PDB file of N, CA and C in Angstrom:
ATOM      1  N   MET A   1     -26.029  16.115 -11.812  1.00  0.00           N
ATOM      2  CA  MET A   1     -25.248  16.065 -10.593  1.00  0.00           C
ATOM      3  C   MET A   1     -26.196  15.811  -9.421  1.00  0.00           C
ATOM      4  N   SER A   2     -25.809  14.952  -8.557  1.00  0.00           N
ATOM      5  CA  SER A   2     -26.623  14.596  -7.406  1.00  0.00           C
ATOM      6  C   SER A   2     -26.851  15.800  -6.503  1.00  0.00           C
ATOM      7  N   LYS A   3     -28.044  15.876  -5.914  1.00  0.00           N
ATOM      8  CA  LYS A   3     -28.332  16.932  -4.943  1.00  0.00           C
ATOM      9  C   LYS A   3     -27.452  16.790  -3.710  1.00  0.00           C
ATOM     10  N   LYS A   4     -26.912  15.601  -3.501  1.00  0.00           N
ATOM     11  CA  LYS A   4     -26.056  15.357  -2.352  1.00  0.00           C
ATOM     12  C   LYS A   4     -24.608  15.765  -2.616  1.00  0.00           C
ATOM     13  N   PHE A   5     -24.298  16.238  -3.831  1.00  0.00           N
ATOM     14  CA  PHE A   5     -22.938  16.638  -4.191  1.00  0.00           C
ATOM     15  C   PHE A   5     -22.534  17.871  -3.390  1.00  0.00           C
ATOM     16  N   GLN A   6     -21.327  17.841  -2.861  1.00  0.00           N
ATOM     17  CA  GLN A   6     -20.755  18.982  -2.162  1.00  0.00           C
ATOM     18  C   GLN A   6     -19.443  19.354  -2.833  1.00  0.00           C
ATOM     19  N   LYS A   7     -19.397  20.522  -3.459  1.00  0.00           N
ATOM     20  CA  LYS A   7     -18.164  20.967  -4.102  1.00  0.00           C
ATOM     21  C   LYS A   7     -17.161  21.315  -3.011  1.00  0.00           C
ATOM     22  N   LYS A   8     -16.002  20.659  -3.076  1.00  0.00           N
ATOM     23  CA  LYS A   8     -14.960  20.864  -2.073  1.00  0.00           C
ATOM     24  C   LYS A   8     -13.636  21.017  -2.809  1.00  0.00           C
ATOM     25  N   VAL A   9     -13.094  22.228  -2.826  1.00  0.00           N
ATOM     26  CA  VAL A   9     -11.828  22.490  -3.498  1.00  0.00           C
ATOM     27  C   VAL A   9     -10.693  22.106  -2.554  1.00  0.00           C
ATOM     28  N   GLU A  10      -9.972  21.041  -2.927  1.00  0.00           N
ATOM     29  CA  GLU A  10      -8.866  20.553  -2.100  1.00  0.00           C
ATOM     30  C   GLU A  10      -7.717  20.112  -2.995  1.00  0.00           C
ATOM     31  N   ASP A  11      -6.514  20.481  -2.620  1.00  0.00           N
ATOM     32  CA  ASP A  11      -5.318  19.953  -3.265  1.00  0.00           C
ATOM     33  C   ASP A  11      -4.946  18.673  -2.529  1.00  0.00           C
ATOM     34  N   PHE A  12      -4.255  17.752  -3.221  1.00  0.00           N
ATOM     35  CA  PHE A  12      -3.845  16.514  -2.577  1.00  0.00           C
ATOM     36  C   PHE A  12      -2.619  15.946  -3.271  1.00  0.00           C
ATOM     37  N   THR A  13      -1.931  15.076  -2.577  1.00  0.00           N
ATOM     38  CA  THR A  13      -0.834  14.312  -3.152  1.00  0.00           C
ATOM     39  C   THR A  13      -1.345  12.898  -3.359  1.00  0.00           C
ATOM     40  N   CYS A  14      -1.210  12.390  -4.583  1.00  0.00           N
ATOM     41  CA  CYS A  14      -1.702  11.057  -4.917  1.00  0.00           C
ATOM     42  C   CYS A  14      -0.963  10.015  -4.076  1.00  0.00           C
ATOM     43  N   ASP A  15      -1.720   9.184  -3.377  1.00  0.00           N
ATOM     44  CA  ASP A  15      -1.119   8.132  -2.554  1.00  0.00           C
ATOM     45  C   ASP A  15      -0.557   6.996  -3.388  1.00  0.00           C
ATOM     46  N   ASN A  16      -0.886   6.951  -4.677  1.00  0.00           N
ATOM     47  CA  ASN A  16      -0.355   5.893  -5.539  1.00  0.00           C
ATOM     48  C   ASN A  16       0.947   6.312  -6.225  1.00  0.00           C
ATOM     49  N   CYS A  17       0.952   7.469  -6.895  1.00  0.00           N
ATOM     50  CA  CYS A  17       2.135   7.850  -7.676  1.00  0.00           C
ATOM     51  C   CYS A  17       2.895   9.039  -7.109  1.00  0.00           C
ATOM     52  N   GLY A  18       2.334   9.726  -6.103  1.00  0.00           N
ATOM     53  CA  GLY A  18       3.030  10.843  -5.464  1.00  0.00           C
ATOM     54  C   GLY A  18       2.862  12.192  -6.132  1.00  0.00           C
ATOM     55  N   LEU A  19       2.059  12.286  -7.184  1.00  0.00           N
ATOM     56  CA  LEU A  19       1.853  13.562  -7.880  1.00  0.00           C
ATOM     57  C   LEU A  19       1.073  14.532  -7.007  1.00  0.00           C
ATOM     58  N   PHE A  20       1.518  15.792  -6.948  1.00  0.00           N
ATOM     59  CA  PHE A  20       0.746  16.834  -6.283  1.00  0.00           C
ATOM     60  C   PHE A  20      -0.329  17.295  -7.253  1.00  0.00           C
ATOM     61  N   VAL A  21      -1.586  17.274  -6.819  1.00  0.00           N
ATOM     62  CA  VAL A  21      -2.728  17.606  -7.680  1.00  0.00           C
ATOM     63  C   VAL A  21      -3.447  18.815  -7.101  1.00  0.00           C
ATOM     64  N   GLU A  22      -3.636  19.847  -7.932  1.00  0.00           N
ATOM     65  CA  GLU A  22      -4.422  21.003  -7.533  1.00  0.00           C
ATOM     66  C   GLU A  22      -5.878  20.718  -7.853  1.00  0.00           C
ATOM     67  N   GLY A  23      -6.706  20.625  -6.814  1.00  0.00           N
ATOM     68  CA  GLY A  23      -8.116  20.315  -6.983  1.00  0.00           C
ATOM     69  C   GLY A  23      -8.904  21.524  -7.456  1.00  0.00           C
ATOM     70  N   ASP A  24     -10.041  21.250  -8.088  1.00  0.00           N
ATOM     71  CA  ASP A  24     -10.905  22.325  -8.572  1.00  0.00           C
ATOM     72  C   ASP A  24     -12.332  22.213  -8.027  1.00  0.00           C
ATOM     73  N   GLY A  25     -12.538  21.323  -7.076  1.00  0.00           N
ATOM     74  CA  GLY A  25     -13.861  21.119  -6.526  1.00  0.00           C
ATOM     75  C   GLY A  25     -14.593  19.952  -7.156  1.00  0.00           C
ATOM     76  N   PHE A  26     -14.070  19.489  -8.285  1.00  0.00           N
ATOM     77  CA  PHE A  26     -14.642  18.336  -8.969  1.00  0.00           C
ATOM     78  C   PHE A  26     -13.615  17.217  -9.117  1.00  0.00           C
ATOM     79  N   THR A  27     -12.375  17.474  -8.710  1.00  0.00           N
ATOM     80  CA  THR A  27     -11.286  16.515  -8.862  1.00  0.00           C
ATOM     81  C   THR A  27     -11.530  15.313  -7.962  1.00  0.00           C
ATOM     82  N   ASN A  28     -11.580  14.110  -8.559  1.00  0.00           N
ATOM     83  CA  ASN A  28     -11.822  12.917  -7.746  1.00  0.00           C
ATOM     84  C   ASN A  28     -10.842  11.795  -8.023  1.00  0.00           C
ATOM     85  N   HIS A  29      -9.819  12.084  -8.838  1.00  0.00           N
ATOM     86  CA  HIS A  29      -8.789  11.077  -9.084  1.00  0.00           C
ATOM     87  C   HIS A  29      -7.533  11.778  -9.591  1.00  0.00           C
ATOM     88  N   CYS A  30      -6.426  11.068  -9.519  1.00  0.00           N
ATOM     89  CA  CYS A  30      -5.151  11.585 -10.011  1.00  0.00           C
ATOM     90  C   CYS A  30      -5.203  11.666 -11.533  1.00  0.00           C
ATOM     91  N   PRO A  31      -4.819  12.794 -12.126  1.00  0.00           N
ATOM     92  CA  PRO A  31      -4.870  12.942 -13.576  1.00  0.00           C
ATOM     93  C   PRO A  31      -3.757  12.210 -14.318  1.00  0.00           C
ATOM     94  N   GLU A  32      -2.806  11.614 -13.582  1.00  0.00           N
ATOM     95  CA  GLU A  32      -1.708  10.883 -14.217  1.00  0.00           C
ATOM     96  C   GLU A  32      -1.887   9.364 -14.121  1.00  0.00           C
ATOM     97  N   CYS A  33      -2.169   8.861 -12.919  1.00  0.00           N
ATOM     98  CA  CYS A  33      -2.287   7.401 -12.745  1.00  0.00           C
ATOM     99  C   CYS A  33      -3.736   6.949 -12.586  1.00  0.00           C
ATOM    100  N   PHE A  34      -4.639   7.904 -12.375  1.00  0.00           N
ATOM    101  CA  PHE A  34      -6.088   7.673 -12.318  1.00  0.00           C
ATOM    102  C   PHE A  34      -6.573   6.977 -11.057  1.00  0.00           C
ATOM    103  N   TYR A  35      -5.705   6.813 -10.062  1.00  0.00           N
ATOM    104  CA  TYR A  35      -6.164   6.263  -8.789  1.00  0.00           C
ATOM    105  C   TYR A  35      -6.978   7.327  -8.049  1.00  0.00           C
ATOM    106  N   SER A  36      -7.897   6.865  -7.248  1.00  0.00           N
ATOM    107  CA  SER A  36      -8.753   7.717  -6.445  1.00  0.00           C
ATOM    108  C   SER A  36      -8.586   7.299  -4.989  1.00  0.00           C
ATOM    109  N   LYS A  37      -9.399   7.862  -4.115  1.00  0.00           N
ATOM    110  CA  LYS A  37      -9.344   7.490  -2.702  1.00  0.00           C
ATOM    111  C   LYS A  37     -10.768   7.361  -2.172  1.00  0.00           C
ATOM    112  N   HIS A  38     -11.010   6.351  -1.391  1.00  0.00           N
ATOM    113  CA  HIS A  38     -12.344   6.060  -0.863  1.00  0.00           C
ATOM    114  C   HIS A  38     -12.592   6.927   0.365  1.00  0.00           C
ATOM    115  N   VAL A  39     -13.009   8.178   0.130  1.00  0.00           N
ATOM    116  CA  VAL A  39     -13.195   9.127   1.223  1.00  0.00           C
ATOM    117  C   VAL A  39     -14.614   9.680   1.323  1.00  0.00           C
ATOM    118  N   ASP A  40     -15.468   9.437   0.320  1.00  0.00           N
ATOM    119  CA  ASP A  40     -16.812  10.014   0.309  1.00  0.00           C
ATOM    120  C   ASP A  40     -17.906   8.952   0.364  1.00  0.00           C
ATOM    121  N   VAL A  41     -18.961   9.251   1.120  1.00  0.00           N
ATOM    122  CA  VAL A  41     -20.207   8.492   1.030  1.00  0.00           C
ATOM    123  C   VAL A  41     -20.996   9.094  -0.126  1.00  0.00           C
ATOM    124  N   ASN A  42     -21.160  10.424  -0.101  1.00  0.00           N
ATOM    125  CA  ASN A  42     -21.722  11.184  -1.207  1.00  0.00           C
ATOM    126  C   ASN A  42     -20.636  12.142  -1.676  1.00  0.00           C
ATOM    127  N   PRO A  43     -20.562  12.424  -2.978  1.00  0.00           N
ATOM    128  CA  PRO A  43     -19.451  13.224  -3.512  1.00  0.00           C
ATOM    129  C   PRO A  43     -19.178  14.501  -2.722  1.00  0.00           C
ATOM    130  N   GLY A  44     -17.951  14.609  -2.213  1.00  0.00           N
ATOM    131  CA  GLY A  44     -17.488  15.801  -1.522  1.00  0.00           C
ATOM    132  C   GLY A  44     -17.732  15.838  -0.032  1.00  0.00           C
ATOM    133  N   ASP A  45     -18.424  14.838   0.539  1.00  0.00           N
ATOM    134  CA  ASP A  45     -18.762  14.923   1.963  1.00  0.00           C
ATOM    135  C   ASP A  45     -17.648  14.464   2.905  1.00  0.00           C
ATOM    136  N   ARG A  46     -16.689  13.716   2.416  1.00  0.00           N
ATOM    137  CA  ARG A  46     -15.542  13.211   3.194  1.00  0.00           C
ATOM    138  C   ARG A  46     -15.996  12.428   4.432  1.00  0.00           C
ATOM    139  N   GLU A  47     -17.125  11.732   4.318  1.00  0.00           N
ATOM    140  CA  GLU A  47     -17.694  10.988   5.439  1.00  0.00           C
ATOM    141  C   GLU A  47     -17.307   9.510   5.454  1.00  0.00           C
ATOM    142  N   GLU A  48     -16.699   8.994   4.385  1.00  0.00           N
ATOM    143  CA  GLU A  48     -16.338   7.572   4.341  1.00  0.00           C
ATOM    144  C   GLU A  48     -15.107   7.341   5.194  1.00  0.00           C
ATOM    145  N   LYS A  49     -15.187   6.368   6.094  1.00  0.00           N
ATOM    146  CA  LYS A  49     -14.089   6.081   7.027  1.00  0.00           C
ATOM    147  C   LYS A  49     -13.018   5.166   6.439  1.00  0.00           C
ATOM    148  N   CYS A  50     -13.318   4.465   5.336  1.00  0.00           N
ATOM    149  CA  CYS A  50     -12.366   3.508   4.749  1.00  0.00           C
ATOM    150  C   CYS A  50     -11.037   4.192   4.400  1.00  0.00           C
ATOM    151  N   GLY A  51     -11.083   5.214   3.560  1.00  0.00           N
ATOM    152  CA  GLY A  51      -9.904   6.009   3.240  1.00  0.00           C
ATOM    153  C   GLY A  51      -8.839   5.341   2.396  1.00  0.00           C
ATOM    154  N   CYS A  52      -9.116   4.159   1.875  1.00  0.00           N
ATOM    155  CA  CYS A  52      -8.108   3.415   1.127  1.00  0.00           C
ATOM    156  C   CYS A  52      -8.086   3.829  -0.352  1.00  0.00           C
ATOM    157  N   LEU A  53      -7.058   3.392  -1.054  1.00  0.00           N
ATOM    158  CA  LEU A  53      -6.947   3.667  -2.488  1.00  0.00           C
ATOM    159  C   LEU A  53      -8.029   2.955  -3.281  1.00  0.00           C
ATOM    160  N   MET A  54      -8.454   3.619  -4.352  1.00  0.00           N
ATOM    161  CA  MET A  54      -9.395   3.017  -5.291  1.00  0.00           C
ATOM    162  C   MET A  54      -8.691   2.953  -6.641  1.00  0.00           C
ATOM    163  N   LYS A  55      -8.552   1.737  -7.174  1.00  0.00           N
ATOM    164  CA  LYS A  55      -7.832   1.564  -8.427  1.00  0.00           C
ATOM    165  C   LYS A  55      -8.818   1.578  -9.594  1.00  0.00           C
ATOM    166  N   PRO A  56      -8.368   2.109 -10.739  1.00  0.00           N
ATOM    167  CA  PRO A  56      -9.221   2.068 -11.924  1.00  0.00           C
ATOM    168  C   PRO A  56      -9.288   0.635 -12.459  1.00  0.00           C
ATOM    169  N   ILE A  57     -10.513   0.136 -12.664  1.00  0.00           N
ATOM    170  CA  ILE A  57     -10.666  -1.253 -13.111  1.00  0.00           C
ATOM    171  C   ILE A  57     -11.406  -1.389 -14.435  1.00  0.00           C
ATOM    172  N   LEU A  58     -12.078  -0.310 -14.870  1.00  0.00           N
ATOM    173  CA  LEU A  58     -12.890  -0.408 -16.079  1.00  0.00           C
ATOM    174  C   LEU A  58     -13.058   0.972 -16.695  1.00  0.00           C
ATOM    175  N   TYR A  59     -13.052   1.008 -18.011  1.00  0.00           N
ATOM    176  CA  TYR A  59     -13.293   2.235 -18.776  1.00  0.00           C
ATOM    177  C   TYR A  59     -14.575   2.035 -19.550  1.00  0.00           C
ATOM    178  N   GLU A  60     -15.434   3.063 -19.574  1.00  0.00           N
ATOM    179  CA  GLU A  60     -16.657   2.964 -20.360  1.00  0.00           C
ATOM    180  C   GLU A  60     -17.055   4.328 -20.902  1.00  0.00           C
ATOM    181  N   ILE A  61     -17.828   4.285 -21.971  1.00  0.00           N
ATOM    182  CA  ILE A  61     -18.364   5.501 -22.582  1.00  0.00           C
ATOM    183  C   ILE A  61     -19.880   5.352 -22.608  1.00  0.00           C
ATOM    184  N   GLU A  62     -20.566   6.384 -22.130  1.00  0.00           N
ATOM    185  CA  GLU A  62     -22.023   6.410 -22.164  1.00  0.00           C
ATOM    186  C   GLU A  62     -22.457   7.770 -22.684  1.00  0.00           C
ATOM    187  N   GLU A  63     -23.189   7.767 -23.772  1.00  0.00           N
ATOM    188  CA  GLU A  63     -23.658   9.016 -24.394  1.00  0.00           C
ATOM    189  C   GLU A  63     -22.500   9.998 -24.600  1.00  0.00           C
ATOM    190  N   ARG A  64     -21.404   9.490 -25.106  1.00  0.00           N
ATOM    191  CA  ARG A  64     -20.185  10.244 -25.445  1.00  0.00           C
ATOM    192  C   ARG A  64     -19.470  10.858 -24.236  1.00  0.00           C
ATOM    193  N   ILE A  65     -19.788  10.386 -23.057  1.00  0.00           N
ATOM    194  CA  ILE A  65     -19.078  10.805 -21.846  1.00  0.00           C
ATOM    195  C   ILE A  65     -18.229   9.627 -21.387  1.00  0.00           C
ATOM    196  N   GLU A  66     -16.939   9.908 -21.121  1.00  0.00           N
ATOM    197  CA  GLU A  66     -16.006   8.865 -20.711  1.00  0.00           C
ATOM    198  C   GLU A  66     -15.975   8.752 -19.186  1.00  0.00           C
ATOM    199  N   TYR A  67     -15.926   7.503 -18.717  1.00  0.00           N
ATOM    200  CA  TYR A  67     -15.905   7.216 -17.289  1.00  0.00           C
ATOM    201  C   TYR A  67     -14.844   6.163 -16.970  1.00  0.00           C
ATOM    202  N   LEU A  68     -14.339   6.240 -15.747  1.00  0.00           N
ATOM    203  CA  LEU A  68     -13.560   5.152 -15.163  1.00  0.00           C
ATOM    204  C   LEU A  68     -14.343   4.602 -13.990  1.00  0.00           C
ATOM    205  N   ILE A  69     -14.325   3.293 -13.852  1.00  0.00           N
ATOM    206  CA  ILE A  69     -14.889   2.653 -12.680  1.00  0.00           C
ATOM    207  C   ILE A  69     -13.720   2.362 -11.754  1.00  0.00           C
ATOM    208  N   HIS A  70     -13.837   2.810 -10.517  1.00  0.00           N
ATOM    209  CA  HIS A  70     -12.814   2.583  -9.505  1.00  0.00           C
ATOM    210  C   HIS A  70     -13.322   1.566  -8.500  1.00  0.00           C
ATOM    211  N   GLU A  71     -12.392   0.750  -7.980  1.00  0.00           N
ATOM    212  CA  GLU A  71     -12.726  -0.226  -6.952  1.00  0.00           C
ATOM    213  C   GLU A  71     -11.779  -0.055  -5.775  1.00  0.00           C
ATOM    214  N   CYS A  72     -12.328   0.038  -4.585  1.00  0.00           N
ATOM    215  CA  CYS A  72     -11.512   0.172  -3.382  1.00  0.00           C
ATOM    216  C   CYS A  72     -10.714  -1.107  -3.162  1.00  0.00           C
ATOM    217  N   VAL A  73      -9.419  -0.952  -2.944  1.00  0.00           N
ATOM    218  CA  VAL A  73      -8.557  -2.124  -2.761  1.00  0.00           C
ATOM    219  C   VAL A  73      -8.757  -2.780  -1.390  1.00  0.00           C
ATOM    220  N   ARG A  74      -9.412  -2.097  -0.461  1.00  0.00           N
ATOM    221  CA  ARG A  74      -9.671  -2.674   0.864  1.00  0.00           C
ATOM    222  C   ARG A  74     -11.057  -3.310   0.935  1.00  0.00           C
ATOM    223  N   CYS A  75     -12.100  -2.532   0.638  1.00  0.00           N
ATOM    224  CA  CYS A  75     -13.464  -3.016   0.891  1.00  0.00           C
ATOM    225  C   CYS A  75     -14.225  -3.424  -0.367  1.00  0.00           C
ATOM    226  N   GLY A  76     -13.669  -3.128  -1.553  1.00  0.00           N
ATOM    227  CA  GLY A  76     -14.304  -3.542  -2.798  1.00  0.00           C
ATOM    228  C   GLY A  76     -15.399  -2.620  -3.313  1.00  0.00           C
ATOM    229  N   HIS A  77     -15.659  -1.501  -2.633  1.00  0.00           N
ATOM    230  CA  HIS A  77     -16.669  -0.543  -3.092  1.00  0.00           C
ATOM    231  C   HIS A  77     -16.313  -0.044  -4.495  1.00  0.00           C
ATOM    232  N   LYS A  78     -17.302   0.061  -5.366  1.00  0.00           N
ATOM    233  CA  LYS A  78     -17.069   0.541  -6.724  1.00  0.00           C
ATOM    234  C   LYS A  78     -17.780   1.872  -6.936  1.00  0.00           C
ATOM    235  N   LYS A  79     -17.135   2.745  -7.729  1.00  0.00           N
ATOM    236  CA  LYS A  79     -17.649   4.090  -7.992  1.00  0.00           C
ATOM    237  C   LYS A  79     -17.287   4.483  -9.409  1.00  0.00           C
ATOM    238  N   ARG A  80     -18.220   5.099 -10.114  1.00  0.00           N
ATOM    239  CA  ARG A  80     -17.979   5.581 -11.478  1.00  0.00           C
ATOM    240  C   ARG A  80     -17.658   7.066 -11.434  1.00  0.00           C
ATOM    241  N   ASN A  81     -16.563   7.462 -12.122  1.00  0.00           N
ATOM    242  CA  ASN A  81     -16.109   8.851 -12.160  1.00  0.00           C
ATOM    243  C   ASN A  81     -15.875   9.291 -13.595  1.00  0.00           C
ATOM    244  N   LYS A  82     -16.268  10.526 -13.895  1.00  0.00           N
ATOM    245  CA  LYS A  82     -16.048  11.079 -15.229  1.00  0.00           C
ATOM    246  C   LYS A  82     -14.568  11.366 -15.455  1.00  0.00           C
ATOM    247  N   ILE A  83     -14.137  11.177 -16.694  1.00  0.00           N
ATOM    248  CA  ILE A  83     -12.802  11.596 -17.115  1.00  0.00           C
ATOM    249  C   ILE A  83     -12.801  13.121 -17.186  1.00  0.00           C
ATOM    250  N   SER A  84     -11.727  13.729 -16.752  1.00  0.00           N
ATOM    251  CA  SER A  84     -11.603  15.183 -16.739  1.00  0.00           C
ATOM    252  C   SER A  84     -10.760  15.669 -17.915  1.00  0.00           C
ATOM    253  N   LYS A  85     -11.004  16.888 -18.329  1.00  0.00           N
ATOM    254  CA  LYS A  85     -10.178  17.501 -19.379  1.00  0.00           C
ATOM    255  C   LYS A  85      -8.742  17.690 -18.904  1.00  0.00           C
ATOM    256  N   LYS A  86      -8.526  17.684 -17.587  1.00  0.00           N
ATOM    257  CA  LYS A  86      -7.184  17.839 -17.013  1.00  0.00           C
ATOM    258  C   LYS A  86      -6.406  16.522 -16.983  1.00  0.00           C
ATOM    259  N   ASP A  87      -7.085  15.407 -17.277  1.00  0.00           N
ATOM    260  CA  ASP A  87      -6.434  14.098 -17.236  1.00  0.00           C
ATOM    261  C   ASP A  87      -5.438  13.937 -18.378  1.00  0.00           C
ATOM    262  N   ASN A  88      -4.362  13.219 -18.118  1.00  0.00           N
ATOM    263  CA  ASN A  88      -3.352  12.921 -19.131  1.00  0.00           C
ATOM    264  C   ASN A  88      -3.935  11.859 -20.067  1.00  0.00           C
ATOM    265  N   TYR A  89      -4.353  12.309 -21.258  1.00  0.00           N
ATOM    266  CA  TYR A  89      -5.078  11.422 -22.168  1.00  0.00           C
ATOM    267  C   TYR A  89      -4.195  10.301 -22.710  1.00  0.00           C
ATOM    268  N   ASP A  90      -2.910  10.555 -22.911  1.00  0.00           N
ATOM    269  CA  ASP A  90      -1.995   9.487 -23.345  1.00  0.00           C
ATOM    270  C   ASP A  90      -1.945   8.382 -22.293  1.00  0.00           C
ATOM    271  N   ASN A  91      -1.866   8.782 -21.019  1.00  0.00           N
ATOM    272  CA  ASN A  91      -1.869   7.794 -19.942  1.00  0.00           C
ATOM    273  C   ASN A  91      -3.205   7.053 -19.882  1.00  0.00           C
ATOM    274  N   LEU A  92      -4.288   7.769 -20.159  1.00  0.00           N
ATOM    275  CA  LEU A  92      -5.600   7.122 -20.172  1.00  0.00           C
ATOM    276  C   LEU A  92      -5.661   6.063 -21.265  1.00  0.00           C
ATOM    277  N   LEU A  93      -5.166   6.386 -22.450  1.00  0.00           N
ATOM    278  CA  LEU A  93      -5.171   5.408 -23.546  1.00  0.00           C
ATOM    279  C   LEU A  93      -4.352   4.170 -23.177  1.00  0.00           C
ATOM    280  N   ASN A  94      -3.205   4.384 -22.533  1.00  0.00           N
ATOM    281  CA  ASN A  94      -2.385   3.254 -22.075  1.00  0.00           C
ATOM    282  C   ASN A  94      -3.122   2.427 -21.027  1.00  0.00           C
ATOM    283  N   LEU A  95      -3.823   3.106 -20.116  1.00  0.00           N
ATOM    284  CA  LEU A  95      -4.584   2.398 -19.098  1.00  0.00           C
ATOM    285  C   LEU A  95      -5.720   1.583 -19.729  1.00  0.00           C
ATOM    286  N   VAL A  96      -6.425   2.178 -20.674  1.00  0.00           N
ATOM    287  CA  VAL A  96      -7.531   1.479 -21.340  1.00  0.00           C
ATOM    288  C   VAL A  96      -7.003   0.237 -22.056  1.00  0.00           C
ATOM    289  N   GLU A  97      -5.863   0.381 -22.720  1.00  0.00           N
ATOM    290  CA  GLU A  97      -5.258  -0.773 -23.405  1.00  0.00           C
ATOM    291  C   GLU A  97      -4.923  -1.853 -22.391  1.00  0.00           C
ATOM    292  N   PHE A  98      -4.347  -1.469 -21.262  1.00  0.00           N
ATOM    293  CA  PHE A  98      -4.009  -2.421 -20.210  1.00  0.00           C
ATOM    294  C   PHE A  98      -5.262  -3.099 -19.658  1.00  0.00           C
ATOM    295  N   LEU A  99      -6.301  -2.308 -19.375  1.00  0.00           N
ATOM    296  CA  LEU A  99      -7.537  -2.870 -18.830  1.00  0.00           C
ATOM    297  C   LEU A  99      -8.195  -3.840 -19.802  1.00  0.00           C
ATOM    298  N   ASN A 100      -8.111  -3.528 -21.091  1.00  0.00           N
ATOM    299  CA  ASN A 100      -8.716  -4.401 -22.108  1.00  0.00           C
ATOM    300  C   ASN A 100      -7.988  -5.733 -22.226  1.00  0.00           C
ATOM    301  N   LYS A 101      -6.687  -5.763 -21.888  1.00  0.00           N
ATOM    302  CA  LYS A 101      -5.901  -6.998 -21.945  1.00  0.00           C
ATOM    303  C   LYS A 101      -6.113  -7.862 -20.697  1.00  0.00           C
ATOM    304  N   SER A 102      -6.569  -7.223 -19.615  1.00  0.00           N
ATOM    305  CA  SER A 102      -6.733  -7.950 -18.336  1.00  0.00           C
ATOM    306  C   SER A 102      -7.952  -8.844 -18.348  1.00  0.00           C
TER     307      SER A 102
END
């Protein structure tokens, strides 16, 4: 974990699907639709002014850890985020299948 990481426990409503999400300090995307929000320069700092949605564009596994790559729909910034145990795995499998067809 980066030394610049700031644990910030925040609940939020997903701007993509409307799900209310209870944050745990590590939550960085919706566990149902997997969209994120471009709000951090460094994890948890809430210093990024863009604030736009980040869509999942790529799934990858590195050393048995699953990740989604998100891309900001406004500025194109890309960020890699770990899959959480709280994520809806059936939805993740559907998303991976969709991404692989794209």
